[in-house]
Amino acid sequence: MPELANIDVSAALELASQTAFLLDVRELDEWQAGHSPLATHIPLAELPDHLADLPRDRIIVCICRSGGRSARAGQFLVENDFEAVNLEGGMTAWANEGQTIVADSGEPTII
């Protein structure tokens, strides 16, 4: 079984600049509170129902709050023949690196 790679924020940004697909697998309230403007939201529990919605011709960078759920999502995607990596440290690392975070309303935060 292929092993999922972990990447840092700078590598995720580099991949995003090369058309990678950023996939945020957090719950809806977490997404609404603050997320990368580059990301698409599909909660981890719903991921199996959305495989047809994901690109097979691009690397998928999986993101959650700290990297645990996104690692599970990434491993699931790899096992289903997607090219995926995990953002180590998740949105917490993203915010700590000073990257842009947007919210559906109010001041963006990571919960």
C-alpha atoms as a PDB file:
ATOM      1  CA  MET A   1       0.000   0.000   0.000  1.00  0.00           C
ATOM      2  CA  PRO A   2       1.425   3.432  -0.928  1.00  0.00           C
ATOM      3  CA  GLU A   3       2.359   5.626   2.002  1.00  0.00           C
ATOM      4  CA  LEU A   4       0.957   9.129   2.346  1.00  0.00           C
ATOM      5  CA  ALA A   5       3.515  11.941   2.327  1.00  0.00           C
ATOM      6  CA  ASN A   6       3.346  14.834   4.795  1.00  0.00           C
ATOM      7  CA  ILE A   7       4.257  18.301   3.548  1.00  0.00           C
ATOM      8  CA  ASP A   8       4.716  21.677   5.200  1.00  0.00           C
ATOM      9  CA  VAL A   9       2.949  24.942   4.400  1.00  0.00           C
ATOM     10  CA  SER A  10       5.600  26.186   1.967  1.00  0.00           C
ATOM     11  CA  ALA A  11       5.425  22.922  -0.001  1.00  0.00           C
ATOM     12  CA  ALA A  12       1.603  23.135  -0.024  1.00  0.00           C
ATOM     13  CA  LEU A  13       1.784  26.670  -1.400  1.00  0.00           C
ATOM     14  CA  GLU A  14       4.254  25.562  -4.055  1.00  0.00           C
ATOM     15  CA  LEU A  15       1.941  22.716  -5.072  1.00  0.00           C
ATOM     16  CA  ALA A  16      -1.046  25.086  -5.100  1.00  0.00           C
ATOM     17  CA  SER A  17       0.833  27.383  -7.476  1.00  0.00           C
ATOM     18  CA  GLN A  18       1.212  24.354  -9.749  1.00  0.00           C
ATOM     19  CA  THR A  19      -2.545  23.599  -9.797  1.00  0.00           C
ATOM     20  CA  ALA A  20      -2.772  21.260  -6.788  1.00  0.00           C
ATOM     21  CA  PHE A  21      -6.265  20.847  -5.349  1.00  0.00           C
ATOM     22  CA  LEU A  22      -6.523  21.906  -1.682  1.00  0.00           C
ATOM     23  CA  LEU A  23      -9.120  19.822   0.143  1.00  0.00           C
ATOM     24  CA  ASP A  24     -10.288  20.894   3.602  1.00  0.00           C
ATOM     25  CA  VAL A  25     -11.873  17.917   5.406  1.00  0.00           C
ATOM     26  CA  ARG A  26     -12.893  19.672   8.635  1.00  0.00           C
ATOM     27  CA  GLU A  27     -16.451  19.967   9.907  1.00  0.00           C
ATOM     28  CA  LEU A  28     -18.695  22.748   8.584  1.00  0.00           C
ATOM     29  CA  ASP A  29     -18.366  24.963  11.687  1.00  0.00           C
ATOM     30  CA  GLU A  30     -14.565  24.775  11.464  1.00  0.00           C
ATOM     31  CA  TRP A  31     -14.662  25.658   7.757  1.00  0.00           C
ATOM     32  CA  GLN A  32     -17.031  28.577   8.356  1.00  0.00           C
ATOM     33  CA  ALA A  33     -14.821  29.955  11.151  1.00  0.00           C
ATOM     34  CA  GLY A  34     -11.728  30.134   8.953  1.00  0.00           C
ATOM     35  CA  HIS A  35     -10.236  28.425   5.915  1.00  0.00           C
ATOM     36  CA  SER A  36      -7.786  28.937   3.099  1.00  0.00           C
ATOM     37  CA  PRO A  37      -9.349  30.843   0.193  1.00  0.00           C
ATOM     38  CA  LEU A  38      -7.636  28.280  -2.062  1.00  0.00           C
ATOM     39  CA  ALA A  39      -9.415  25.271  -0.531  1.00  0.00           C
ATOM     40  CA  THR A  40     -12.523  23.261  -1.328  1.00  0.00           C
ATOM     41  CA  HIS A  41     -14.570  21.887   1.566  1.00  0.00           C
ATOM     42  CA  ILE A  42     -15.680  18.265   1.859  1.00  0.00           C
ATOM     43  CA  PRO A  43     -15.989  16.988   5.449  1.00  0.00           C
ATOM     44  CA  LEU A  44     -14.065  13.783   6.148  1.00  0.00           C
ATOM     45  CA  ALA A  45     -17.239  11.781   6.831  1.00  0.00           C
ATOM     46  CA  GLU A  46     -18.619  12.755   3.407  1.00  0.00           C
ATOM     47  CA  LEU A  47     -15.426  12.092   1.452  1.00  0.00           C
ATOM     48  CA  PRO A  48     -16.377   8.574   0.240  1.00  0.00           C
ATOM     49  CA  ASP A  49     -19.524  10.047  -1.332  1.00  0.00           C
ATOM     50  CA  HIS A  50     -17.563  12.687  -3.260  1.00  0.00           C
ATOM     51  CA  LEU A  51     -14.759  10.757  -4.946  1.00  0.00           C
ATOM     52  CA  ALA A  52     -16.269  11.511  -8.362  1.00  0.00           C
ATOM     53  CA  ASP A  53     -16.029  15.245  -7.553  1.00  0.00           C
ATOM     54  CA  LEU A  54     -12.267  15.146  -6.992  1.00  0.00           C
ATOM     55  CA  PRO A  55      -9.641  15.602  -9.702  1.00  0.00           C
ATOM     56  CA  ARG A  56      -7.546  12.607 -10.684  1.00  0.00           C
ATOM     57  CA  ASP A  57      -5.159  14.706 -12.759  1.00  0.00           C
ATOM     58  CA  ARG A  58      -3.931  16.943  -9.912  1.00  0.00           C
ATOM     59  CA  ILE A  59      -2.255  16.423  -6.550  1.00  0.00           C
ATOM     60  CA  ILE A  60      -4.735  16.743  -3.686  1.00  0.00           C
ATOM     61  CA  VAL A  61      -3.412  18.482  -0.571  1.00  0.00           C
ATOM     62  CA  CYS A  62      -5.548  17.343   2.372  1.00  0.00           C
ATOM     63  CA  ILE A  63      -6.069  19.841   5.200  1.00  0.00           C
ATOM     64  CA  CYS A  64      -7.716  19.752   8.637  1.00  0.00           C
ATOM     65  CA  ARG A  65      -7.057  21.620  11.883  1.00  0.00           C
ATOM     66  CA  SER A  66      -3.824  19.905  12.903  1.00  0.00           C
ATOM     67  CA  GLY A  67      -3.136  17.119  10.399  1.00  0.00           C
ATOM     68  CA  GLY A  68      -4.795  14.017  11.873  1.00  0.00           C
ATOM     69  CA  ARG A  69      -8.076  13.897   9.974  1.00  0.00           C
ATOM     70  CA  SER A  70      -6.414  15.073   6.787  1.00  0.00           C
ATOM     71  CA  ALA A  71      -3.896  12.229   7.092  1.00  0.00           C
ATOM     72  CA  ARG A  72      -6.805   9.770   7.226  1.00  0.00           C
ATOM     73  CA  ALA A  73      -8.411  11.488   4.234  1.00  0.00           C
ATOM     74  CA  GLY A  74      -5.171  11.455   2.295  1.00  0.00           C
ATOM     75  CA  GLN A  75      -4.521   7.793   2.997  1.00  0.00           C
ATOM     76  CA  PHE A  76      -8.073   6.969   1.885  1.00  0.00           C
ATOM     77  CA  LEU A  77      -7.514   8.911  -1.341  1.00  0.00           C
ATOM     78  CA  VAL A  78      -4.175   7.215  -2.006  1.00  0.00           C
ATOM     79  CA  GLU A  79      -5.841   3.831  -1.498  1.00  0.00           C
ATOM     80  CA  ASN A  80      -8.422   4.905  -4.098  1.00  0.00           C
ATOM     81  CA  ASP A  81      -5.746   5.767  -6.683  1.00  0.00           C
ATOM     82  CA  PHE A  82      -5.582   9.514  -6.155  1.00  0.00           C
ATOM     83  CA  GLU A  83      -2.311  11.387  -5.772  1.00  0.00           C
ATOM     84  CA  ALA A  84      -2.634  12.987  -2.337  1.00  0.00           C
ATOM     85  CA  VAL A  85      -0.472  14.502   0.393  1.00  0.00           C
ATOM     86  CA  ASN A  86      -1.185  15.690   3.927  1.00  0.00           C
ATOM     87  CA  LEU A  87      -0.575  19.229   5.183  1.00  0.00           C
ATOM     88  CA  GLU A  88       1.333  18.573   8.380  1.00  0.00           C
ATOM     89  CA  GLY A  89       0.032  20.834  11.150  1.00  0.00           C
ATOM     90  CA  GLY A  90      -3.097  21.653   9.135  1.00  0.00           C
ATOM     91  CA  MET A  91      -4.794  25.033   9.324  1.00  0.00           C
ATOM     92  CA  THR A  92      -3.005  25.718  12.599  1.00  0.00           C
ATOM     93  CA  ALA A  93       0.326  25.625  10.759  1.00  0.00           C
ATOM     94  CA  TRP A  94      -1.193  27.570   7.852  1.00  0.00           C
ATOM     95  CA  ALA A  95      -2.248  30.377  10.211  1.00  0.00           C
ATOM     96  CA  ASN A  96       1.041  30.278  12.135  1.00  0.00           C
ATOM     97  CA  GLU A  97       2.895  30.809   8.844  1.00  0.00           C
ATOM     98  CA  GLY A  98       0.841  33.964   8.262  1.00  0.00           C
ATOM     99  CA  GLN A  99      -1.100  32.603   5.289  1.00  0.00           C
ATOM    100  CA  THR A 100      -4.472  34.073   4.345  1.00  0.00           C
ATOM    101  CA  ILE A 101      -7.531  32.762   6.171  1.00  0.00           C
ATOM    102  CA  VAL A 102     -11.088  33.768   5.301  1.00  0.00           C
ATOM    103  CA  ALA A 103     -14.344  33.183   7.175  1.00  0.00           C
ATOM    104  CA  ASP A 104     -17.911  32.894   5.991  1.00  0.00           C
ATOM    105  CA  SER A 105     -18.719  35.760   8.392  1.00  0.00           C
ATOM    106  CA  GLY A 106     -16.842  37.739  10.998  1.00  0.00           C
ATOM    107  CA  GLU A 107     -13.173  37.571  11.892  1.00  0.00           C
ATOM    108  CA  PRO A 108     -11.491  34.377  10.626  1.00  0.00           C
ATOM    109  CA  THR A 109     -10.167  31.993  13.259  1.00  0.00           C
ATOM    110  CA  ILE A 110      -9.109  28.370  13.515  1.00  0.00           C
ATOM    111  CA  ILE A 111     -11.262  26.175  15.748  1.00  0.00           C
END
